[in-house]
Amino acid sequence: LHDALPISAMPTSNLKPDDEAALIDLSGDTKYRQTYMFSATMPPSVERIAKNYLRQPAFVYVGDQSSSKANITQHVEMLKENKKKDKLLELLQNGPPPPIIIFCNGKRGCDVLSRSLDKMGYPTAVIHSGKDQATRELAIEGFKSGEFEILVATDIAGRGIDIQGVEHVINYDMPKDIESYTHRIGRTGRAGRKGVATTFVTGEGIEENVLYDLKVMLTSCKQPVPPELDRHPAAIPKEQREYRKAHPKIIEAKK
């Protein structure tokens, strides 16, 4: 959500010195260069790369990294796939008013949900990679102007789109990684305003790969963790998961 900038001076040979703490001699003929890495977020994997290849990198963060998430109330709804649409209608009727952004993981899912919402009386725009640039721009402009109350989108709308007045973001499909989740919910609670993010979680399939990270994020943001998520096998630490897989009989006996 905020820019991060590691800076490092290295010789043009591209080799990192063995003694990283050694002073850089700027008085001689040796040429050095500075390497800049810009990122809207700095996930741990990218930070590790920076530390590995850069000499004494400095990280410069623009803004308070936690301020945006502090403005967002995060709700997680544990439910079956066939109950999603009923829960969505409940949220649209009783939750924060439009404009609302709803995220799906696939293009077909976006199109199907958009047509369904249109039939139920909710003017809806849809954008995904299957739409050309002109169509996407018309959808965004219509959403900003109020012509459409709801924008249904894939992760293509999860980054770089700033639409004022969005009080509610709904993850109809749980994203495949926690970085995408962070970007999606960041479409609300912007510029100091409050926002709500609601995420539907079935706890099945590819979702299992991100449940632990989701639990950690909710905890770090002081948001409630649903009991079903807290005790889900995929939401426990990796070490415990591996132990359970390696010793299923022991776990079963303890039950």
C-alpha atoms as a PDB file:
ATOM      1  CA  LEU A   1       0.000   0.000   0.000  1.00  0.00           C
ATOM      2  CA  HIS A   2       3.022   2.268   0.447  1.00  0.00           C
ATOM      3  CA  ASP A   3       6.208   2.772  -1.520  1.00  0.00           C
ATOM      4  CA  ALA A   4       9.383   1.154  -0.254  1.00  0.00           C
ATOM      5  CA  LEU A   5      12.882   1.988  -1.472  1.00  0.00           C
ATOM      6  CA  PRO A   6      16.058   0.012  -0.707  1.00  0.00           C
ATOM      7  CA  ILE A   7      19.216   1.893  -1.731  1.00  0.00           C
ATOM      8  CA  SER A   8      22.725   0.472  -1.995  1.00  0.00           C
ATOM      9  CA  ALA A   9      26.051   1.468  -3.501  1.00  0.00           C
ATOM     10  CA  MET A  10      27.947  -1.334  -5.232  1.00  0.00           C
ATOM     11  CA  PRO A  11      30.993  -1.552  -7.487  1.00  0.00           C
ATOM     12  CA  THR A  12      30.249  -1.844 -11.210  1.00  0.00           C
ATOM     13  CA  SER A  13      31.636  -5.403 -11.062  1.00  0.00           C
ATOM     14  CA  ASN A  14      28.256  -6.425  -9.580  1.00  0.00           C
ATOM     15  CA  LEU A  15      30.062  -8.414  -6.874  1.00  0.00           C
ATOM     16  CA  LYS A  16      28.999  -7.963  -3.272  1.00  0.00           C
ATOM     17  CA  PRO A  17      32.127  -7.683  -1.041  1.00  0.00           C
ATOM     18  CA  ASP A  18      32.799 -10.364   1.561  1.00  0.00           C
ATOM     19  CA  ASP A  19      33.009  -7.704   4.257  1.00  0.00           C
ATOM     20  CA  GLU A  20      29.689  -5.942   3.865  1.00  0.00           C
ATOM     21  CA  ALA A  21      30.534  -3.500   6.664  1.00  0.00           C
ATOM     22  CA  ALA A  22      33.710  -2.258   4.941  1.00  0.00           C
ATOM     23  CA  LEU A  23      33.678   1.435   4.100  1.00  0.00           C
ATOM     24  CA  ILE A  24      33.194   2.434   0.480  1.00  0.00           C
ATOM     25  CA  ASP A  25      36.132   4.455  -0.824  1.00  0.00           C
ATOM     26  CA  LEU A  26      34.661   7.273  -2.856  1.00  0.00           C
ATOM     27  CA  SER A  27      37.961   9.155  -3.198  1.00  0.00           C
ATOM     28  CA  GLY A  28      39.612   6.780  -5.683  1.00  0.00           C
ATOM     29  CA  ASP A  29      38.926   5.837  -9.291  1.00  0.00           C
ATOM     30  CA  THR A  30      36.581   2.957  -8.429  1.00  0.00           C
ATOM     31  CA  LYS A  31      33.125   3.569  -9.845  1.00  0.00           C
ATOM     32  CA  TYR A  32      30.091   2.704  -7.799  1.00  0.00           C
ATOM     33  CA  ARG A  33      26.460   2.668  -8.625  1.00  0.00           C
ATOM     34  CA  GLN A  34      23.265   2.982  -6.637  1.00  0.00           C
ATOM     35  CA  THR A  35      20.488   0.428  -7.086  1.00  0.00           C
ATOM     36  CA  TYR A  36      16.919   1.508  -6.453  1.00  0.00           C
ATOM     37  CA  MET A  37      13.999  -0.891  -6.018  1.00  0.00           C
ATOM     38  CA  PHE A  38      10.484   0.536  -5.952  1.00  0.00           C
ATOM     39  CA  SER A  39       7.470  -1.428  -4.768  1.00  0.00           C
ATOM     40  CA  ALA A  40       3.903  -0.590  -3.742  1.00  0.00           C
ATOM     41  CA  THR A  41       4.400  -3.202  -1.029  1.00  0.00           C
ATOM     42  CA  MET A  42       7.501  -4.973   0.209  1.00  0.00           C
ATOM     43  CA  PRO A  43       6.645  -8.637   0.831  1.00  0.00           C
ATOM     44  CA  PRO A  44       9.199 -10.679   2.805  1.00  0.00           C
ATOM     45  CA  SER A  45      10.362 -12.551  -0.317  1.00  0.00           C
ATOM     46  CA  VAL A  46      11.337  -9.294  -2.081  1.00  0.00           C
ATOM     47  CA  GLU A  47      12.969  -7.951   1.079  1.00  0.00           C
ATOM     48  CA  ARG A  48      15.107 -11.094   1.311  1.00  0.00           C
ATOM     49  CA  ILE A  49      16.262 -10.603  -2.296  1.00  0.00           C
ATOM     50  CA  ALA A  50      17.219  -6.995  -1.553  1.00  0.00           C
ATOM     51  CA  LYS A  51      19.226  -7.997   1.521  1.00  0.00           C
ATOM     52  CA  ASN A  52      20.928 -10.834  -0.336  1.00  0.00           C
ATOM     53  CA  TYR A  53      22.134  -8.900  -3.351  1.00  0.00           C
ATOM     54  CA  LEU A  54      22.490  -5.320  -2.104  1.00  0.00           C
ATOM     55  CA  ARG A  55      25.150  -3.965   0.219  1.00  0.00           C
ATOM     56  CA  GLN A  56      23.678  -2.510   3.396  1.00  0.00           C
ATOM     57  CA  PRO A  57      20.332  -1.633   1.767  1.00  0.00           C
ATOM     58  CA  ALA A  58      18.349   1.207   3.288  1.00  0.00           C
ATOM     59  CA  PHE A  59      14.551   0.889   3.333  1.00  0.00           C
ATOM     60  CA  VAL A  60      12.564   4.089   2.980  1.00  0.00           C
ATOM     61  CA  TYR A  61       8.828   3.806   3.621  1.00  0.00           C
ATOM     62  CA  VAL A  62       6.494   6.549   2.479  1.00  0.00           C
ATOM     63  CA  GLY A  63       3.629   6.843   4.941  1.00  0.00           C
ATOM     64  CA  ASP A  64       2.600   4.664   7.855  1.00  0.00           C
ATOM     65  CA  GLN A  65       2.417   1.061   6.688  1.00  0.00           C
ATOM     66  CA  SER A  66      -0.250   0.132   9.232  1.00  0.00           C
ATOM     67  CA  SER A  67      -2.439   3.215   8.931  1.00  0.00           C
ATOM     68  CA  SER A  68      -4.459   2.024   5.924  1.00  0.00           C
ATOM     69  CA  LYS A  69      -5.353  -1.356   7.423  1.00  0.00           C
ATOM     70  CA  ALA A  70      -6.229   0.360  10.708  1.00  0.00           C
ATOM     71  CA  ASN A  71      -8.999   2.204   8.838  1.00  0.00           C
ATOM     72  CA  ILE A  72     -10.488  -1.043   7.515  1.00  0.00           C
ATOM     73  CA  THR A  73     -12.792  -3.306   9.491  1.00  0.00           C
ATOM     74  CA  GLN A  74     -12.148  -6.824   8.213  1.00  0.00           C
ATOM     75  CA  HIS A  75     -14.858  -9.494   8.355  1.00  0.00           C
ATOM     76  CA  VAL A  76     -14.333 -13.132   7.361  1.00  0.00           C
ATOM     77  CA  GLU A  77     -17.387 -15.276   6.611  1.00  0.00           C
ATOM     78  CA  MET A  78     -16.791 -19.027   6.688  1.00  0.00           C
ATOM     79  CA  LEU A  79     -19.419 -20.642   4.472  1.00  0.00           C
ATOM     80  CA  LYS A  80     -20.110 -23.212   1.753  1.00  0.00           C
ATOM     81  CA  GLU A  81     -19.710 -22.294  -1.907  1.00  0.00           C
ATOM     82  CA  ASN A  82     -23.468 -22.606  -2.559  1.00  0.00           C
ATOM     83  CA  LYS A  83     -24.222 -20.116   0.245  1.00  0.00           C
ATOM     84  CA  LYS A  84     -22.116 -17.278  -1.134  1.00  0.00           C
ATOM     85  CA  LYS A  85     -24.799 -15.618  -3.226  1.00  0.00           C
ATOM     86  CA  ASP A  86     -27.327 -15.560  -0.370  1.00  0.00           C
ATOM     87  CA  LYS A  87     -24.751 -13.981   1.926  1.00  0.00           C
ATOM     88  CA  LEU A  88     -23.813 -11.458  -0.752  1.00  0.00           C
ATOM     89  CA  LEU A  89     -27.432 -10.335  -1.142  1.00  0.00           C
ATOM     90  CA  GLU A  90     -27.695  -9.981   2.625  1.00  0.00           C
ATOM     91  CA  LEU A  91     -24.636  -7.731   2.648  1.00  0.00           C
ATOM     92  CA  LEU A  92     -25.905  -5.632  -0.254  1.00  0.00           C
ATOM     93  CA  GLN A  93     -29.225  -5.103   1.502  1.00  0.00           C
ATOM     94  CA  ASN A  94     -27.943  -4.482   5.032  1.00  0.00           C
ATOM     95  CA  GLY A  95     -24.307  -3.492   4.699  1.00  0.00           C
ATOM     96  CA  PRO A  96     -22.545  -0.241   3.729  1.00  0.00           C
ATOM     97  CA  PRO A  97     -24.131   1.548   0.747  1.00  0.00           C
ATOM     98  CA  PRO A  98     -22.712   1.686  -2.809  1.00  0.00           C
ATOM     99  CA  PRO A  99     -20.297   2.134  -4.445  1.00  0.00           C
ATOM    100  CA  ILE A 100     -19.124  -1.413  -3.689  1.00  0.00           C
ATOM    101  CA  ILE A 101     -16.312  -3.451  -5.264  1.00  0.00           C
ATOM    102  CA  ILE A 102     -16.698  -7.232  -5.447  1.00  0.00           C
ATOM    103  CA  PHE A 103     -13.675  -9.367  -6.319  1.00  0.00           C
ATOM    104  CA  CYS A 104     -13.766 -12.768  -8.018  1.00  0.00           C
ATOM    105  CA  ASN A 105     -10.790 -14.919  -8.966  1.00  0.00           C
ATOM    106  CA  GLY A 106     -11.795 -15.693 -12.550  1.00  0.00           C
ATOM    107  CA  LYS A 107     -13.141 -13.902 -15.617  1.00  0.00           C
ATOM    108  CA  ARG A 108     -16.110 -16.235 -16.036  1.00  0.00           C
ATOM    109  CA  GLY A 109     -17.037 -15.861 -12.377  1.00  0.00           C
ATOM    110  CA  CYS A 110     -17.079 -12.078 -12.779  1.00  0.00           C
ATOM    111  CA  ASP A 111     -19.330 -12.214 -15.842  1.00  0.00           C
ATOM    112  CA  VAL A 112     -21.792 -14.670 -14.268  1.00  0.00           C
ATOM    113  CA  LEU A 113     -22.047 -12.723 -11.004  1.00  0.00           C
ATOM    114  CA  SER A 114     -22.382  -9.399 -12.817  1.00  0.00           C
ATOM    115  CA  ARG A 115     -25.294 -10.631 -14.943  1.00  0.00           C
ATOM    116  CA  SER A 116     -26.986 -12.083 -11.866  1.00  0.00           C
ATOM    117  CA  LEU A 117     -26.704  -8.812  -9.937  1.00  0.00           C
ATOM    118  CA  ASP A 118     -28.000  -6.833 -12.909  1.00  0.00           C
ATOM    119  CA  LYS A 119     -31.106  -9.033 -13.064  1.00  0.00           C
ATOM    120  CA  MET A 120     -31.704  -8.457  -9.353  1.00  0.00           C
ATOM    121  CA  GLY A 121     -31.714  -4.696  -9.813  1.00  0.00           C
ATOM    122  CA  TYR A 122     -28.139  -3.778  -8.947  1.00  0.00           C
ATOM    123  CA  PRO A 123     -26.523  -1.783 -11.803  1.00  0.00           C
ATOM    124  CA  THR A 124     -23.182  -3.520 -12.209  1.00  0.00           C
ATOM    125  CA  ALA A 125     -20.003  -2.963 -14.208  1.00  0.00           C
ATOM    126  CA  VAL A 126     -17.381  -5.660 -14.719  1.00  0.00           C
ATOM    127  CA  ILE A 127     -13.681  -5.528 -15.581  1.00  0.00           C
ATOM    128  CA  HIS A 128     -11.145  -8.292 -16.118  1.00  0.00           C
ATOM    129  CA  SER A 129      -8.346  -9.185 -18.534  1.00  0.00           C
ATOM    130  CA  GLY A 130     -10.870 -10.422 -21.099  1.00  0.00           C
ATOM    131  CA  LYS A 131     -12.185  -6.874 -21.576  1.00  0.00           C
ATOM    132  CA  ASP A 132     -10.358  -4.461 -23.868  1.00  0.00           C
ATOM    133  CA  GLN A 133      -8.914  -1.223 -22.478  1.00  0.00           C
ATOM    134  CA  ALA A 134     -11.737   0.963 -23.796  1.00  0.00           C
ATOM    135  CA  THR A 135     -14.385  -1.249 -22.172  1.00  0.00           C
ATOM    136  CA  ARG A 136     -12.507  -1.209 -18.879  1.00  0.00           C
ATOM    137  CA  GLU A 137     -12.245   2.569 -18.897  1.00  0.00           C
ATOM    138  CA  LEU A 138     -15.972   2.944 -19.615  1.00  0.00           C
ATOM    139  CA  ALA A 139     -16.745   0.583 -16.720  1.00  0.00           C
ATOM    140  CA  ILE A 140     -14.516   2.512 -14.308  1.00  0.00           C
ATOM    141  CA  GLU A 141     -15.917   5.884 -15.388  1.00  0.00           C
ATOM    142  CA  GLY A 142     -19.477   4.591 -15.029  1.00  0.00           C
ATOM    143  CA  PHE A 143     -18.673   3.285 -11.568  1.00  0.00           C
ATOM    144  CA  LYS A 144     -17.076   6.573 -10.503  1.00  0.00           C
ATOM    145  CA  SER A 145     -20.008   8.615 -11.818  1.00  0.00           C
ATOM    146  CA  GLY A 146     -22.607   6.493 -10.019  1.00  0.00           C
ATOM    147  CA  GLU A 147     -24.091   4.972 -13.172  1.00  0.00           C
ATOM    148  CA  PHE A 148     -23.086   1.584 -11.754  1.00  0.00           C
ATOM    149  CA  GLU A 149     -23.490   0.838  -8.042  1.00  0.00           C
ATOM    150  CA  ILE A 150     -21.241  -2.208  -8.067  1.00  0.00           C
ATOM    151  CA  LEU A 151     -17.954  -3.039  -9.752  1.00  0.00           C
ATOM    152  CA  VAL A 152     -17.225  -6.762 -10.154  1.00  0.00           C
ATOM    153  CA  ALA A 153     -13.573  -7.383 -10.953  1.00  0.00           C
ATOM    154  CA  THR A 154     -10.612  -9.721 -10.845  1.00  0.00           C
ATOM    155  CA  ASP A 155      -7.263  -8.701  -9.328  1.00  0.00           C
ATOM    156  CA  ILE A 156      -6.804  -6.391 -12.314  1.00  0.00           C
ATOM    157  CA  ALA A 157      -8.667  -3.816 -10.176  1.00  0.00           C
ATOM    158  CA  GLY A 158      -6.792  -4.713  -7.005  1.00  0.00           C
ATOM    159  CA  ARG A 159      -3.906  -2.341  -7.633  1.00  0.00           C
ATOM    160  CA  GLY A 160      -3.555   1.226  -8.791  1.00  0.00           C
ATOM    161  CA  ILE A 161      -7.263   2.059  -8.884  1.00  0.00           C
ATOM    162  CA  ASP A 162      -8.367   4.817  -6.538  1.00  0.00           C
ATOM    163  CA  ILE A 163     -12.122   5.372  -6.437  1.00  0.00           C
ATOM    164  CA  GLN A 164     -13.437   7.762  -3.831  1.00  0.00           C
ATOM    165  CA  GLY A 165     -16.341   6.791  -1.621  1.00  0.00           C
ATOM    166  CA  VAL A 166     -15.905   2.998  -1.697  1.00  0.00           C
ATOM    167  CA  GLU A 167     -16.923   1.957   1.816  1.00  0.00           C
ATOM    168  CA  HIS A 168     -17.206  -1.784   1.194  1.00  0.00           C
ATOM    169  CA  VAL A 169     -14.985  -4.300  -0.580  1.00  0.00           C
ATOM    170  CA  ILE A 170     -16.246  -7.877  -0.829  1.00  0.00           C
ATOM    171  CA  ASN A 171     -13.980 -10.800  -1.676  1.00  0.00           C
ATOM    172  CA  TYR A 172     -16.551 -13.129  -3.200  1.00  0.00           C
ATOM    173  CA  ASP A 173     -13.617 -15.483  -3.821  1.00  0.00           C
ATOM    174  CA  MET A 174     -10.739 -15.635  -1.372  1.00  0.00           C
ATOM    175  CA  PRO A 175      -7.587 -14.533  -3.255  1.00  0.00           C
ATOM    176  CA  LYS A 176      -4.752 -16.983  -3.854  1.00  0.00           C
ATOM    177  CA  ASP A 177      -2.185 -15.137  -1.721  1.00  0.00           C
ATOM    178  CA  ILE A 178      -2.102 -12.644   1.130  1.00  0.00           C
ATOM    179  CA  GLU A 179      -0.502  -9.905  -1.010  1.00  0.00           C
ATOM    180  CA  SER A 180      -3.544  -9.898  -3.313  1.00  0.00           C
ATOM    181  CA  TYR A 181      -5.814  -9.829  -0.264  1.00  0.00           C
ATOM    182  CA  THR A 182      -3.955  -6.766   1.044  1.00  0.00           C
ATOM    183  CA  HIS A 183      -4.249  -4.954  -2.275  1.00  0.00           C
ATOM    184  CA  ARG A 184      -7.939  -5.771  -2.659  1.00  0.00           C
ATOM    185  CA  ILE A 185      -9.044  -4.558   0.752  1.00  0.00           C
ATOM    186  CA  GLY A 186      -6.902  -1.461   0.219  1.00  0.00           C
ATOM    187  CA  ARG A 187      -9.492  -0.192  -2.285  1.00  0.00           C
ATOM    188  CA  THR A 188     -11.472   1.025   0.739  1.00  0.00           C
ATOM    189  CA  GLY A 189     -10.418   2.900   3.866  1.00  0.00           C
ATOM    190  CA  ARG A 190      -8.391   5.334   1.758  1.00  0.00           C
ATOM    191  CA  ALA A 191      -7.303   8.923   2.491  1.00  0.00           C
ATOM    192  CA  GLY A 192      -8.119   8.584   6.176  1.00  0.00           C
ATOM    193  CA  ARG A 193     -11.661   7.348   5.632  1.00  0.00           C
ATOM    194  CA  LYS A 194     -13.150   4.249   7.234  1.00  0.00           C
ATOM    195  CA  GLY A 195     -13.994   1.141   5.220  1.00  0.00           C
ATOM    196  CA  VAL A 196     -15.244  -2.418   5.523  1.00  0.00           C
ATOM    197  CA  ALA A 197     -13.809  -5.519   3.847  1.00  0.00           C
ATOM    198  CA  THR A 198     -15.785  -8.763   3.865  1.00  0.00           C
ATOM    199  CA  THR A 199     -14.203 -11.999   2.664  1.00  0.00           C
ATOM    200  CA  PHE A 200     -15.984 -15.263   1.884  1.00  0.00           C
ATOM    201  CA  VAL A 201     -13.893 -18.287   2.840  1.00  0.00           C
ATOM    202  CA  THR A 202     -14.838 -21.892   2.118  1.00  0.00           C
ATOM    203  CA  GLY A 203     -11.578 -23.294   3.495  1.00  0.00           C
ATOM    204  CA  GLU A 204     -11.262 -25.701   0.576  1.00  0.00           C
ATOM    205  CA  GLY A 205      -9.038 -26.140  -2.479  1.00  0.00           C
ATOM    206  CA  ILE A 206      -6.413 -23.469  -3.167  1.00  0.00           C
ATOM    207  CA  GLU A 207      -7.723 -21.409  -0.270  1.00  0.00           C
ATOM    208  CA  GLU A 208      -5.898 -23.734   2.108  1.00  0.00           C
ATOM    209  CA  ASN A 209      -2.593 -22.215   0.955  1.00  0.00           C
ATOM    210  CA  VAL A 210      -3.443 -18.788   2.346  1.00  0.00           C
ATOM    211  CA  LEU A 211      -5.546 -19.474   5.452  1.00  0.00           C
ATOM    212  CA  TYR A 212      -2.603 -19.308   7.852  1.00  0.00           C
ATOM    213  CA  ASP A 213      -1.457 -15.975   6.401  1.00  0.00           C
ATOM    214  CA  LEU A 214      -5.014 -14.655   6.631  1.00  0.00           C
ATOM    215  CA  LYS A 215      -5.239 -15.662  10.271  1.00  0.00           C
ATOM    216  CA  VAL A 216      -1.911 -13.968  11.020  1.00  0.00           C
ATOM    217  CA  MET A 217      -3.011 -10.772   9.286  1.00  0.00           C
ATOM    218  CA  LEU A 218      -6.337 -10.613  11.123  1.00  0.00           C
ATOM    219  CA  THR A 219      -4.535 -11.128  14.412  1.00  0.00           C
ATOM    220  CA  SER A 220      -1.892  -8.483  13.668  1.00  0.00           C
ATOM    221  CA  CYS A 221      -4.614  -5.995  12.690  1.00  0.00           C
ATOM    222  CA  LYS A 222      -6.548  -6.777  15.897  1.00  0.00           C
ATOM    223  CA  GLN A 223      -9.487  -8.087  13.874  1.00  0.00           C
ATOM    224  CA  PRO A 224     -11.693 -10.992  15.026  1.00  0.00           C
ATOM    225  CA  VAL A 225     -10.694 -14.453  13.798  1.00  0.00           C
ATOM    226  CA  PRO A 226     -13.734 -16.718  13.233  1.00  0.00           C
ATOM    227  CA  PRO A 227     -13.553 -19.912  15.326  1.00  0.00           C
ATOM    228  CA  GLU A 228     -13.906 -22.012  12.147  1.00  0.00           C
ATOM    229  CA  LEU A 229     -10.816 -20.320  10.700  1.00  0.00           C
ATOM    230  CA  ASP A 230      -8.872 -20.453  13.960  1.00  0.00           C
ATOM    231  CA  ARG A 231      -9.191 -24.233  14.227  1.00  0.00           C
ATOM    232  CA  HIS A 232      -8.951 -25.024  10.511  1.00  0.00           C
ATOM    233  CA  PRO A 233      -6.096 -27.517   9.844  1.00  0.00           C
ATOM    234  CA  ALA A 234      -4.647 -25.224   7.141  1.00  0.00           C
ATOM    235  CA  ALA A 235      -4.570 -22.235   9.510  1.00  0.00           C
ATOM    236  CA  ILE A 236      -2.101 -23.685  11.989  1.00  0.00           C
ATOM    237  CA  PRO A 237       1.669 -22.958  11.741  1.00  0.00           C
ATOM    238  CA  LYS A 238       3.579 -24.805   9.025  1.00  0.00           C
ATOM    239  CA  GLU A 239       5.627 -26.812  11.541  1.00  0.00           C
ATOM    240  CA  GLN A 240       2.482 -28.129  13.206  1.00  0.00           C
ATOM    241  CA  ARG A 241       0.926 -28.989   9.845  1.00  0.00           C
ATOM    242  CA  GLU A 242       3.990 -30.973   8.810  1.00  0.00           C
ATOM    243  CA  TYR A 243       4.039 -32.771  12.162  1.00  0.00           C
ATOM    244  CA  ARG A 244       0.383 -33.736  11.803  1.00  0.00           C
ATOM    245  CA  LYS A 245       1.002 -35.104   8.314  1.00  0.00           C
ATOM    246  CA  ALA A 246       3.991 -37.094   9.512  1.00  0.00           C
ATOM    247  CA  HIS A 247       2.244 -38.450  12.635  1.00  0.00           C
ATOM    248  CA  PRO A 248      -1.458 -38.883  11.772  1.00  0.00           C
ATOM    249  CA  LYS A 249      -1.907 -41.798  14.176  1.00  0.00           C
ATOM    250  CA  ILE A 250      -0.635 -39.787  17.133  1.00  0.00           C
ATOM    251  CA  ILE A 251      -2.962 -36.902  16.335  1.00  0.00           C
ATOM    252  CA  GLU A 252      -5.906 -39.251  15.943  1.00  0.00           C
ATOM    253  CA  ALA A 253      -5.144 -40.889  19.301  1.00  0.00           C
ATOM    254  CA  LYS A 254      -5.102 -37.515  21.055  1.00  0.00           C
ATOM    255  CA  LYS A 255      -8.560 -36.752  19.689  1.00  0.00           C
END
